[in-house]
């Protein structure tokens, strides 16, 4: 199902900042949600392809040609196909520099920006997933050292300023705000004030509210489409 990616009226978002033809593959309540919020923050013009994971859309032959892993998000930029959340985030944030969510190549904050974007994918998420499944990986071979070390490292950074890079929000904050919202909800990270206050501050942004409200509607529609008998029984 194709939808226009913009949730706000065009006159509220300003002119398009790129001529790239973006097609974003998305399913509600997935890792793609964070990317959709980021695209909203950027004011990006894109085509939204909504897939119903509950109905098996992501395992269809058509979608597996896009991403053989059967996962979202995926982004088509003209002839270029990009998978992996962080790769997509870095790409689209660089396409819209006017949004101010990415430090430029010569900006002294660029290195820290890349560090914290990749820390999410390479250290935080593996540590949290292993904790969720009570998997104990020896420190010597774990890519993230230890779960406690990851939590303390992130907390130390967030204690320095309102945002990951200081006073100004960046694409990294969209990821970390979303990540902490989910992991706090499922008790996968400590409920330290530095985490809870940061998550509340970032997810209070209008972009989060717009996308999450729309996502709840889509999720209900998809549940009804995938499990009509269950919906009828509950009626």
Protein backbone atom coordinates (compact mmCIF):
# COMPACT_ATOMS: atom_id res chain seq x y z
CA UNK A 1 0.00 0.00 0.00
CA UNK A 2 1.48 3.33 -1.01
CA UNK A 3 0.96 6.46 1.02
CA UNK A 4 2.48 9.91 0.99
CA UNK A 5 5.06 10.16 3.73
CA UNK A 6 4.25 13.68 4.85
CA UNK A 7 1.92 13.81 7.85
CA UNK A 8 1.68 17.59 8.17
CA UNK A 9 0.27 19.96 5.59
CA UNK A 10 2.88 20.92 2.94
CA UNK A 11 2.64 24.62 3.76
CA UNK A 12 3.72 23.83 7.31
CA UNK A 13 6.80 21.96 6.22
CA UNK A 14 8.42 24.33 3.72
CA UNK A 15 9.69 23.53 0.23
CA UNK A 16 11.23 20.22 -0.73
CA UNK A 17 14.96 20.24 -0.05
CA UNK A 18 16.03 17.49 -2.42
CA UNK A 19 15.12 16.15 -5.84
CA UNK A 20 15.81 12.56 -4.75
CA UNK A 21 12.90 10.16 -5.28
CA UNK A 22 12.62 8.36 -1.97
CA UNK A 23 10.50 5.26 -1.37
CA UNK A 24 10.43 4.15 2.27
CA UNK A 25 9.39 0.61 3.21
CA UNK A 26 7.76 0.49 6.62
CA UNK A 27 5.67 -1.63 8.97
CA UNK A 28 4.01 -0.30 12.14
CA UNK A 29 5.62 -1.04 15.51
CA UNK A 30 8.96 -2.01 14.03
CA UNK A 31 12.42 -0.51 13.79
CA UNK A 32 11.13 1.40 10.79
CA UNK A 33 9.08 3.60 13.13
CA UNK A 34 12.16 5.51 14.22
CA UNK A 35 13.12 6.20 10.62
CA UNK A 36 9.63 7.43 9.83
CA UNK A 37 9.89 9.87 12.74
CA UNK A 38 13.26 11.04 11.44
CA UNK A 39 11.85 11.56 7.94
CA UNK A 40 9.08 13.64 9.49
CA UNK A 41 11.63 15.72 11.40
CA UNK A 42 13.55 16.31 8.18
CA UNK A 43 10.43 17.43 6.34
CA UNK A 44 11.27 14.86 3.68
CA UNK A 45 9.09 14.23 0.66
CA UNK A 46 8.85 10.48 0.11
CA UNK A 47 6.51 7.68 -0.83
CA UNK A 48 5.55 5.48 2.10
CA UNK A 49 5.13 1.79 1.34
CA UNK A 50 3.24 0.26 4.25
CA UNK A 51 3.71 -3.49 4.73
CA UNK A 52 1.65 -5.74 6.99
CA UNK A 53 4.13 -7.92 8.86
CA UNK A 54 1.27 -9.72 10.64
CA UNK A 55 -0.06 -10.86 7.26
CA UNK A 56 3.36 -12.04 6.07
CA UNK A 57 4.06 -9.16 3.67
CA UNK A 58 7.73 -9.02 4.61
CA UNK A 59 8.24 -12.66 3.62
CA UNK A 60 6.63 -12.26 0.21
CA UNK A 61 8.82 -12.92 -2.86
CA UNK A 62 8.32 -9.31 -3.91
CA UNK A 63 9.61 -7.87 -0.65
CA UNK A 64 12.45 -10.37 -0.30
CA UNK A 65 13.83 -8.95 -3.54
CA UNK A 66 14.10 -5.63 -1.73
CA UNK A 67 15.51 -7.01 1.51
CA UNK A 68 16.38 -10.74 1.56
CA UNK A 69 16.30 -10.62 5.37
CA UNK A 70 12.59 -9.85 5.29
CA UNK A 71 13.02 -6.84 7.56
CA UNK A 72 12.10 -3.17 7.55
CA UNK A 73 13.15 -0.45 7.15
CA UNK A 74 14.38 -0.28 3.59
CA UNK A 75 14.82 2.81 1.45
CA UNK A 76 14.93 3.20 -2.29
CA UNK A 77 16.59 6.41 -3.46
CA UNK A 78 16.18 6.28 -7.20
CA UNK A 79 18.21 3.26 -8.29
CA UNK A 80 19.96 2.99 -4.92
CA UNK A 81 18.66 0.53 -2.32
CA UNK A 82 19.60 0.99 1.32
CA UNK A 83 18.81 -1.32 4.22
CA UNK A 84 19.94 -1.13 7.87
CA UNK A 85 18.45 1.60 10.05
CA UNK A 86 21.61 3.56 10.73
CA UNK A 87 22.67 3.54 7.08
CA UNK A 88 19.27 4.91 6.09
CA UNK A 89 19.36 7.53 8.84
CA UNK A 90 22.80 8.81 7.88
CA UNK A 91 21.79 8.94 4.22
CA UNK A 92 18.53 10.84 4.61
CA UNK A 93 19.88 13.25 7.22
CA UNK A 94 22.70 14.17 4.85
CA UNK A 95 20.16 14.70 2.04
CA UNK A 96 18.44 17.38 4.12
CA UNK A 97 21.23 19.45 5.71
CA UNK A 98 18.89 22.45 5.98
CA UNK A 99 16.97 20.57 8.68
CA UNK A 100 20.02 20.90 10.92
CA UNK A 101 19.94 17.32 12.19
CA UNK A 102 23.34 16.22 10.91
CA UNK A 103 26.77 17.83 11.36
CA UNK A 104 28.52 18.38 8.03
CA UNK A 105 31.69 16.57 7.02
CA UNK A 106 33.88 19.42 8.29
CA UNK A 107 31.88 20.03 11.47
CA UNK A 108 33.96 19.12 14.55
CA UNK A 109 30.92 17.30 15.97
CA UNK A 110 30.77 14.90 13.02
CA UNK A 111 32.94 12.26 14.68
CA UNK A 112 30.88 12.24 17.87
CA UNK A 113 27.70 12.11 15.80
CA UNK A 114 28.89 9.03 13.94
CA UNK A 115 30.11 7.46 17.15
CA UNK A 116 26.75 7.71 18.90
CA UNK A 117 24.76 6.65 15.85
CA UNK A 118 26.87 3.50 15.54
CA UNK A 119 26.99 2.93 19.30
CA UNK A 120 23.25 2.39 19.12
CA UNK A 121 23.53 -0.35 16.48
CA UNK A 122 26.83 -1.95 17.44
CA UNK A 123 26.65 -1.87 21.24
CA UNK A 124 23.32 -0.81 22.72
CA UNK A 125 20.92 -2.95 20.71
CA UNK A 126 22.97 -6.18 20.94
CA UNK A 127 23.38 -5.67 24.69
CA UNK A 128 19.66 -5.08 25.18
CA UNK A 129 18.61 -8.02 23.00
CA UNK A 130 20.93 -10.37 24.87
CA UNK A 131 19.52 -9.13 28.16
CA UNK A 132 15.95 -9.65 26.92
CA UNK A 133 16.72 -13.27 26.12
CA UNK A 134 18.95 -13.76 29.16
CA UNK A 135 21.92 -14.61 26.97
CA UNK A 136 25.29 -14.38 28.68
CA UNK A 137 28.11 -13.68 26.23
CA UNK A 138 31.67 -13.73 27.59
CA UNK A 139 33.10 -10.23 27.89
CA UNK A 140 36.09 -11.15 25.75
CA UNK A 141 33.96 -11.83 22.66
CA UNK A 142 30.93 -9.58 23.21
CA UNK A 143 31.08 -6.63 20.76
CA UNK A 144 29.83 -4.31 23.50
CA UNK A 145 31.99 -5.42 26.49
CA UNK A 146 29.20 -5.75 29.10
CA UNK A 147 25.60 -4.62 29.43
CA UNK A 148 26.46 -2.53 32.50
CA UNK A 149 29.30 -0.82 30.67
CA UNK A 150 26.98 0.11 27.80
CA UNK A 151 24.37 1.59 30.15
CA UNK A 152 26.92 3.60 32.12
CA UNK A 153 28.59 4.89 28.96
CA UNK A 154 25.30 6.10 27.52
CA UNK A 155 24.19 7.63 30.82
CA UNK A 156 27.46 9.53 31.16
CA UNK A 157 26.96 11.07 27.72
CA UNK A 158 23.35 12.05 28.36
CA UNK A 159 24.25 13.69 31.66
CA UNK A 160 26.44 16.24 29.85
CA UNK A 161 23.75 18.15 27.96
CA UNK A 162 20.10 18.08 26.85
CA UNK A 163 21.04 16.22 23.66
CA UNK A 164 23.63 13.71 22.50
CA UNK A 165 25.79 16.39 20.86
CA UNK A 166 25.07 19.21 23.28
CA UNK A 167 22.36 21.84 23.15
CA UNK A 168 21.25 21.13 19.57
CA UNK A 169 19.15 18.13 18.61
CA UNK A 170 20.45 15.77 15.91
CA UNK A 171 19.31 12.63 14.13
CA UNK A 172 21.10 10.68 16.86
CA UNK A 173 18.58 11.95 19.41
CA UNK A 174 15.69 10.65 17.33
CA UNK A 175 17.23 7.19 17.57
CA UNK A 176 18.10 7.38 21.23
CA UNK A 177 14.77 8.88 22.24
CA UNK A 178 12.92 6.12 20.42
CA UNK A 179 15.24 3.40 21.72
CA UNK A 180 14.93 4.46 25.34
CA UNK A 181 11.17 4.84 25.03
CA UNK A 182 10.86 1.19 23.98
CA UNK A 183 13.47 -0.29 26.28
CA UNK A 184 12.16 1.57 29.33
CA UNK A 185 8.66 0.34 28.48
CA UNK A 186 9.86 -3.28 28.63
CA UNK A 187 12.25 -2.85 31.59
CA UNK A 188 15.28 -3.58 29.43
CA UNK A 189 17.28 -0.60 30.67
CA UNK A 190 17.57 0.89 34.17
CA UNK A 191 14.91 3.51 34.94
CA UNK A 192 17.56 6.06 35.84
CA UNK A 193 16.33 9.67 35.73
CA UNK A 194 18.87 10.50 33.04
CA UNK A 195 17.20 7.92 30.77
CA UNK A 196 13.57 8.61 31.66
CA UNK A 197 13.86 12.40 31.46
CA UNK A 198 15.72 12.26 28.15
CA UNK A 199 13.20 9.85 26.62
CA UNK A 200 10.26 11.99 27.76
CA UNK A 201 11.86 15.15 26.39
CA UNK A 202 12.68 13.72 22.96
CA UNK A 203 9.46 11.77 22.44
CA UNK A 204 7.35 14.82 23.34
CA UNK A 205 8.36 16.33 20.00
CA UNK A 206 5.49 16.77 17.50
CA UNK A 207 7.13 14.37 15.03
CA UNK A 208 6.87 11.51 17.53
CA UNK A 209 3.26 12.33 18.33
CA UNK A 210 2.23 12.54 14.66
CA UNK A 211 3.86 9.29 13.65
CA UNK A 212 2.87 7.27 16.72
CA UNK A 213 -0.76 8.37 16.50
CA UNK A 214 -0.91 7.43 12.82
CA UNK A 215 0.93 4.19 13.55
CA UNK A 216 -1.67 3.13 16.12
CA UNK A 217 -4.38 3.49 13.48
CA UNK A 218 -2.39 1.54 10.90
CA UNK A 219 -1.57 -1.20 13.40
CA UNK A 220 -5.25 -1.67 14.25
CA UNK A 221 -6.17 -1.81 10.56
CA UNK A 222 -3.47 -4.39 9.89
CA UNK A 223 -4.48 -6.52 12.86
CA UNK A 224 -8.05 -6.58 11.58
CA UNK A 225 -6.90 -7.49 8.08
CA UNK A 226 -4.54 -10.23 9.26
CA UNK A 227 -6.87 -11.76 11.88
CA UNK A 228 -10.49 -11.09 10.87
CA UNK A 229 -11.80 -14.11 12.81
CA UNK A 230 -10.24 -12.85 16.04
CA UNK A 231 -11.79 -9.40 15.56
CA UNK A 232 -15.23 -10.94 14.85
CA UNK A 233 -15.02 -13.09 17.98
CA UNK A 234 -14.22 -10.08 20.12
CA UNK A 235 -17.13 -8.06 18.70
